[in-house]
Protein backbone atom coordinates (compact mmCIF):
# COMPACT_ATOMS: atom_id res chain seq x y z
CA MET A 1 -0.12 0.11 0.24
CA THR A 2 1.44 3.26 -1.11
CA PRO A 3 0.68 6.44 0.66
CA SER A 4 -1.30 8.79 -1.45
CA PHE A 5 -0.46 12.52 -2.03
CA TRP A 6 -2.72 13.52 0.87
CA GLN A 7 -1.52 11.78 3.48
CA ILE A 8 2.05 12.96 2.50
CA LEU A 9 1.08 16.39 2.86
CA LEU A 10 0.20 15.58 6.36
CA VAL A 11 3.08 13.85 7.22
CA LEU A 12 4.43 17.11 6.10
CA ILE A 13 2.71 20.02 7.50
CA ILE A 14 2.47 17.65 10.92
CA ILE A 15 6.68 17.87 10.73
CA LEU A 16 6.36 21.59 9.75
CA ILE A 17 4.53 22.47 12.65
CA LEU A 18 6.99 20.18 15.49
CA PHE A 19 9.71 21.36 13.78
CA GLY A 20 9.59 25.01 12.43
CA ALA A 21 10.38 26.22 9.41
CA GLY A 22 13.62 27.65 10.83
CA LYS A 23 14.89 24.19 12.10
CA LEU A 24 13.85 22.27 9.24
CA PRO A 25 17.04 22.75 7.18
CA THR A 26 18.90 21.84 10.31
CA VAL A 27 16.83 18.12 10.49
CA ILE A 28 16.93 17.49 7.05
CA LYS A 29 20.88 17.75 7.03
CA GLN A 30 21.02 15.58 9.34
CA LEU A 31 18.80 13.16 8.16
CA VAL A 32 20.55 13.34 4.43
CA LYS A 33 23.36 12.54 6.43
CA GLY A 34 22.53 9.71 8.13
CA LEU A 35 21.22 8.52 5.20
CA LYS A 36 24.67 8.91 3.88
CA THR A 37 26.71 7.04 6.44
CA VAL A 38 24.06 4.10 6.52
CA ARG A 39 24.53 4.45 2.59
CA SER A 40 28.18 3.68 3.04
CA SER A 41 28.41 0.89 5.21
CA LEU A 42 25.75 -0.63 3.34
CA LYS A 43 28.75 -0.32 0.58
CA GLU A 44 31.78 -1.37 2.76
CA ASP A 45 29.79 -4.34 3.96
CA LYS A 46 28.60 -5.73 0.60
CA LYS A 47 32.56 -5.66 -0.37
CA LYS A 48 33.62 -7.48 2.37
CA ARG A 49 30.97 -10.23 1.91
CA LYS A 50 32.53 -10.59 -1.63
CA LYS A 51 36.27 -11.33 -0.25
């Protein structure tokens, strides 16, 4: 089941209310940094398994 447009919009509005417009760029930057770390860890793990 995929979320509809209205569900995604509602979640974004709730996030905006919780964090405020000022903190939102910081939260997004930290989220992206965390995702990059996870991706690099997965790539390293795959390389180790091949050897």
